[in-house]
N, C-alpha and C. Protein backbone atom coordinates (compact mmCIF):
# COMPACT_ATOMS: atom_id res chain seq x y z
N MET A 1 117.43 125.44 146.90
CA MET A 1 117.24 124.18 147.05
C MET A 1 118.68 123.98 148.08
N ALA A 2 118.57 123.53 149.32
CA ALA A 2 119.22 123.81 150.26
C ALA A 2 120.28 122.67 150.26
N SER A 3 121.49 122.86 150.89
CA SER A 3 122.40 121.61 150.52
C SER A 3 123.05 121.53 151.48
N ASN A 4 123.07 119.92 151.73
CA ASN A 4 123.48 118.94 153.38
C ASN A 4 125.13 119.94 153.39
N SER A 5 125.56 119.57 152.10
CA SER A 5 126.98 119.15 152.30
C SER A 5 127.96 120.27 152.31
N VAL A 6 128.75 120.58 152.78
CA VAL A 6 130.21 121.09 153.52
C VAL A 6 130.49 121.90 152.68
N LYS A 7 130.73 123.51 152.51
CA LYS A 7 131.83 124.25 151.53
C LYS A 7 132.63 123.99 151.87
N PRO A 8 134.28 123.60 150.52
CA PRO A 8 135.22 123.57 150.95
C PRO A 8 136.19 124.46 151.54
N GLU A 9 135.39 125.77 151.52
CA GLU A 9 136.22 126.51 152.16
C GLU A 9 135.62 127.03 153.56
N SER A 10 135.12 126.63 154.36
CA SER A 10 135.18 126.52 155.82
C SER A 10 135.79 125.23 156.08
N LEU A 11 136.29 123.96 155.46
CA LEU A 11 137.11 123.37 156.10
C LEU A 11 138.89 123.80 155.63
N LEU A 12 138.88 124.58 155.29
CA LEU A 12 140.31 125.36 155.26
C LEU A 12 141.09 124.72 156.16
N HIS A 13 141.06 124.93 157.12
CA HIS A 13 141.50 124.73 158.76
C HIS A 13 140.66 123.93 159.77
N PHE A 14 140.20 122.83 159.23
CA PHE A 14 139.99 121.48 159.75
C PHE A 14 140.99 121.17 160.50
N PRO A 15 140.06 120.68 161.68
CA PRO A 15 141.92 120.70 163.30
C PRO A 15 141.47 119.40 163.18
N GLN A 16 142.89 118.81 162.95
CA GLN A 16 143.06 117.11 162.76
C GLN A 16 142.96 116.65 163.98
N ALA A 17 142.73 117.35 165.53
CA ALA A 17 142.26 116.68 166.25
C ALA A 17 140.44 116.71 166.16
N GLN A 18 139.79 116.87 165.26
CA GLN A 18 138.19 115.93 165.22
C GLN A 18 138.59 114.70 164.14
N LEU A 19 139.86 114.02 164.17
CA LEU A 19 140.05 112.76 163.65
C LEU A 19 140.05 111.67 163.97
N SER A 20 139.19 110.37 164.14
CA SER A 20 139.86 109.74 164.96
C SER A 20 141.69 109.12 164.76
N PRO A 21 141.51 108.59 165.54
CA PRO A 21 143.17 108.03 165.30
C PRO A 21 143.78 106.79 164.13
N LYS A 22 142.64 106.47 163.47
CA LYS A 22 143.48 105.91 162.07
C LYS A 22 143.02 106.73 161.05
N GLU A 23 141.68 108.25 161.44
CA GLU A 23 142.14 108.69 159.77
C GLU A 23 143.08 109.86 160.26
N SER A 24 144.03 109.52 161.42
CA SER A 24 144.77 110.86 161.43
C SER A 24 145.86 110.70 160.97
N LYS A 25 145.95 109.20 161.37
CA LYS A 25 147.62 108.27 160.61
C LYS A 25 147.63 107.91 159.11
N ILE A 26 146.21 107.71 158.82
CA ILE A 26 146.04 107.66 157.45
C ILE A 26 146.29 109.11 156.63
N TYR A 27 145.83 110.06 157.09
CA TYR A 27 146.05 111.52 156.23
C TYR A 27 147.61 111.34 156.40
N ASP A 28 148.32 111.76 157.89
CA ASP A 28 149.71 112.28 158.23
C ASP A 28 150.41 110.83 156.73
N PHE A 29 149.95 109.83 156.30
CA PHE A 29 150.98 108.75 155.43
C PHE A 29 150.55 109.60 154.27
N VAL A 30 149.87 110.03 153.94
CA VAL A 30 149.19 110.86 152.66
C VAL A 30 150.21 111.73 152.40
N LEU A 31 150.23 112.66 153.27
CA LEU A 31 150.70 113.99 153.48
C LEU A 31 152.00 113.96 152.73
N GLU A 32 152.66 112.69 153.34
CA GLU A 32 154.18 112.76 152.90
C GLU A 32 154.19 111.50 152.03
N THR A 33 153.23 110.91 151.49
CA THR A 33 153.55 110.12 149.83
C THR A 33 152.41 110.15 148.85
N TRP A 34 151.96 111.11 148.17
CA TRP A 34 150.82 111.49 147.70
C TRP A 34 151.16 111.33 146.00
N PRO A 35 150.41 111.45 145.41
CA PRO A 35 149.62 110.50 145.08
C PRO A 35 149.59 109.25 145.74
N THR A 36 148.61 108.42 146.50
CA THR A 36 148.48 106.80 146.97
C THR A 36 147.05 106.57 146.55
N SER A 37 147.35 105.31 147.03
CA SER A 37 146.03 104.11 146.88
C SER A 37 145.93 103.15 148.01
N ALA A 38 144.64 103.07 148.55
CA ALA A 38 144.12 102.41 149.33
C ALA A 38 144.77 101.05 149.73
N ILE A 39 145.53 100.19 148.50
CA ILE A 39 146.36 99.53 148.82
C ILE A 39 147.68 100.00 149.34
N GLU A 40 148.40 101.06 148.56
CA GLU A 40 149.84 101.62 149.18
C GLU A 40 149.60 101.86 151.06
N ILE A 41 148.29 102.29 150.87
CA ILE A 41 148.55 102.37 152.67
C ILE A 41 147.67 101.24 153.47
N ALA A 42 147.50 100.31 152.66
CA ALA A 42 147.11 98.62 153.47
C ALA A 42 148.47 98.56 154.12
N GLU A 43 150.06 98.27 152.42
CA GLU A 43 151.24 97.82 152.87
C GLU A 43 151.87 98.42 153.76
N HIS A 44 152.15 100.08 154.38
CA HIS A 44 152.65 100.95 154.34
C HIS A 44 152.54 100.31 156.62
N PHE A 45 150.89 99.92 156.19
CA PHE A 45 150.47 99.84 157.46
C PHE A 45 151.05 98.12 157.61
N LYS A 46 151.44 97.48 157.13
CA LYS A 46 151.64 95.90 157.35
C LYS A 46 150.41 95.59 157.44
N GLU A 47 149.14 95.98 156.56
CA GLU A 47 148.34 94.53 156.15
C GLU A 47 149.10 93.39 155.09
N ASP A 48 147.97 91.97 155.83
CA ASP A 48 148.30 91.61 155.05
C ASP A 48 147.89 91.03 153.18
N THR A 49 148.13 91.63 152.20
CA THR A 49 148.32 91.43 150.90
C THR A 49 148.84 90.74 150.16
N ASN A 50 148.49 89.23 150.51
CA ASN A 50 149.06 88.55 149.73
C ASN A 50 148.63 88.05 148.88
N SER A 51 147.41 87.49 148.97
CA SER A 51 146.18 86.66 148.45
C SER A 51 145.27 88.27 147.79
N ARG A 52 144.77 87.60 146.91
CA ARG A 52 143.45 88.27 146.13
C ARG A 52 142.52 88.60 146.50
N GLU A 53 142.54 87.90 148.19
CA GLU A 53 141.24 88.01 148.72
C GLU A 53 141.51 89.05 150.21
N SER A 54 142.62 89.32 150.34
CA SER A 54 142.81 89.89 151.54
C SER A 54 143.89 91.18 150.94
N LYS A 55 143.66 91.00 149.56
CA LYS A 55 144.16 92.37 149.41
C LYS A 55 142.98 93.21 148.34
N LYS A 56 141.64 92.72 148.95
CA LYS A 56 140.49 93.28 148.76
C LYS A 56 139.67 93.37 150.09
N LYS A 57 140.12 92.69 150.64
CA LYS A 57 139.95 93.33 151.71
C LYS A 57 140.38 94.28 152.98
N ALA A 58 141.84 94.48 152.80
CA ALA A 58 142.33 95.58 153.20
C ALA A 58 142.10 96.59 151.60
N SER A 59 141.60 97.08 150.85
CA SER A 59 141.77 97.85 150.07
C SER A 59 140.51 98.28 150.21
N THR A 60 139.53 97.63 151.04
CA THR A 60 138.02 98.20 150.96
C THR A 60 137.86 98.70 152.02
N LYS A 61 138.15 98.16 153.42
CA LYS A 61 138.84 99.02 154.63
C LYS A 61 139.49 100.50 154.33
N TYR A 62 140.59 100.42 153.73
CA TYR A 62 141.01 102.00 153.41
C TYR A 62 140.65 102.85 152.80
N THR A 63 139.72 102.34 151.92
CA THR A 63 138.84 103.75 151.03
C THR A 63 138.05 103.99 151.30
N TYR A 64 137.32 103.22 152.51
CA TYR A 64 136.39 103.52 153.51
C TYR A 64 137.20 104.67 153.95
N TYR A 65 138.36 104.81 154.91
CA TYR A 65 138.79 105.76 155.08
C TYR A 65 139.27 106.71 154.74
N LEU A 66 139.85 106.80 153.07
CA LEU A 66 140.10 107.81 153.09
C LEU A 66 138.95 108.18 152.07
N LYS A 67 137.87 107.68 152.40
CA LYS A 67 136.28 108.72 150.95
C LYS A 67 135.82 109.31 152.76
N LYS A 68 136.35 108.86 154.25
CA LYS A 68 135.91 109.93 154.42
C LYS A 68 136.31 111.20 154.91
N LEU A 69 137.77 111.04 154.57
CA LEU A 69 138.81 112.01 154.71
C LEU A 69 138.45 112.91 153.22
N VAL A 70 138.80 112.47 151.88
CA VAL A 70 137.64 113.50 150.99
C VAL A 70 136.10 114.06 151.59
N GLU A 71 135.16 113.42 152.40
CA GLU A 71 133.96 114.27 152.35
C GLU A 71 134.79 115.55 153.47
N LYS A 72 135.52 114.89 154.01
CA LYS A 72 135.83 116.02 155.45
C LYS A 72 136.75 117.45 154.59
N GLY A 73 137.23 116.83 153.95
CA GLY A 73 137.39 117.74 152.36
C GLY A 73 139.13 117.92 152.63
N LEU A 74 140.09 117.48 153.06
CA LEU A 74 140.97 116.90 153.49
C LEU A 74 141.70 116.72 152.56
N LEU A 75 141.24 115.37 151.60
CA LEU A 75 141.87 114.64 150.62
C LEU A 75 140.78 115.09 149.36
N LEU A 76 141.62 114.85 147.87
CA LEU A 76 140.94 114.66 147.24
C LEU A 76 141.42 113.35 145.96
N SER A 77 140.32 112.67 145.54
CA SER A 77 140.10 111.60 145.15
C SER A 77 139.86 111.64 143.61
N LYS A 78 140.19 110.21 142.70
CA LYS A 78 140.18 109.51 141.56
C LYS A 78 140.41 108.53 141.74
N ARG A 79 139.33 108.28 140.46
CA ARG A 79 139.35 106.47 140.62
C ARG A 79 140.15 106.27 139.05
N MET A 80 141.23 105.49 139.32
CA MET A 80 142.11 104.83 138.37
C MET A 80 141.89 103.55 138.16
N GLY A 81 140.71 103.16 137.06
CA GLY A 81 140.38 101.70 137.51
C GLY A 81 139.70 101.43 138.12
N ASN A 82 140.58 100.52 139.18
CA ASN A 82 139.80 99.57 140.68
C ASN A 82 140.01 100.22 141.22
N ALA A 83 141.16 101.42 141.81
CA ALA A 83 141.92 101.78 142.79
C ALA A 83 141.35 103.40 142.83
N LEU A 84 141.36 104.20 144.10
CA LEU A 84 141.10 105.31 144.30
C LEU A 84 142.27 105.74 144.83
N VAL A 85 142.51 106.79 143.69
CA VAL A 85 144.09 107.90 144.29
C VAL A 85 143.75 108.94 145.16
N VAL A 86 144.24 109.06 145.80
CA VAL A 86 144.17 109.96 146.80
C VAL A 86 145.24 111.45 146.93
N TRP A 87 145.04 112.33 147.23
CA TRP A 87 145.94 113.22 147.96
C TRP A 87 145.38 114.41 147.61
N PRO A 88 146.52 115.34 148.73
CA PRO A 88 146.45 116.13 150.00
C PRO A 88 145.24 117.47 149.16
N MET A 89 144.73 118.15 149.63
CA MET A 89 143.96 119.37 149.66
C MET A 89 145.19 120.44 149.64
N LYS A 90 145.38 120.13 150.13
CA LYS A 90 147.13 121.52 150.44
C LYS A 90 147.86 121.25 148.90
N ALA A 91 147.88 119.94 148.71
CA ALA A 91 148.62 119.91 147.03
C ALA A 91 148.49 120.91 145.89
N GLU A 92 146.08 120.56 146.06
CA GLU A 92 145.87 121.33 144.96
C GLU A 92 145.76 122.65 144.59
N ARG A 93 146.03 122.59 146.32
CA ARG A 93 145.88 124.77 146.77
C ARG A 93 147.20 124.90 146.06
N LEU A 94 148.64 123.97 146.17
CA LEU A 94 149.94 125.17 146.28
C LEU A 94 149.57 124.45 144.51
N ARG A 95 149.31 123.43 143.37
CA ARG A 95 149.21 123.73 142.77
C ARG A 95 148.70 125.08 141.86
N ALA A 96 147.05 124.99 142.24
CA ALA A 96 146.45 126.33 141.50
C ALA A 96 147.53 127.52 141.72
N VAL A 97 148.11 127.59 143.17
CA VAL A 97 149.33 129.18 143.68
C VAL A 97 150.09 129.23 142.46
N HIS A 98 151.06 128.02 141.94
CA HIS A 98 151.82 127.97 140.80
C HIS A 98 151.41 128.62 139.89
N ALA A 99 150.17 128.01 139.60
CA ALA A 99 149.11 128.29 138.43
C ALA A 99 149.05 129.86 138.06
N ILE A 100 148.32 130.18 139.31
CA ILE A 100 148.91 132.05 139.57
C ILE A 100 149.92 132.27 138.84
N LEU A 101 150.64 131.93 139.67
CA LEU A 101 152.57 133.02 139.73
C LEU A 101 152.62 132.85 137.84
N GLU A 102 152.67 131.62 137.14
CA GLU A 102 152.76 131.61 136.09
C GLU A 102 152.62 132.44 135.41
N GLY A 103 151.03 132.31 135.98
CA GLY A 103 150.05 133.60 134.69
C GLY A 103 149.02 132.63 133.64
N LYS A 104 149.25 131.40 134.04
CA LYS A 104 148.25 129.99 133.01
C LYS A 104 146.47 130.34 133.94
N VAL A 105 146.57 131.10 134.18
CA VAL A 105 144.60 130.88 135.32
C VAL A 105 143.86 131.09 133.76
N ASN A 106 143.19 130.74 133.53
CA ASN A 106 142.25 131.50 132.28
C ASN A 106 141.07 133.24 132.84
């Protein structure tokens, strides 16, 4: 059965030039401060997060961009409660290399 999904190996050298300016800024922030969530990103970009309604709106906005970056293979994500927490794929690769060097791979 054919799959339309992109294999992670083909995204190892994903050019950041193919990202929108907004995606690029978000990706750069995640690289600097990971793990992070949509609310933390919204606060960094000075979005209004004072009321519950504005926090939900900002979270939805940045979750959209985070999911696009996850689909492109640049970030990994995990749901923790209602929050989507993301970290760079680069960090996951470093963790795997560290495990190999420590001899903890089965």
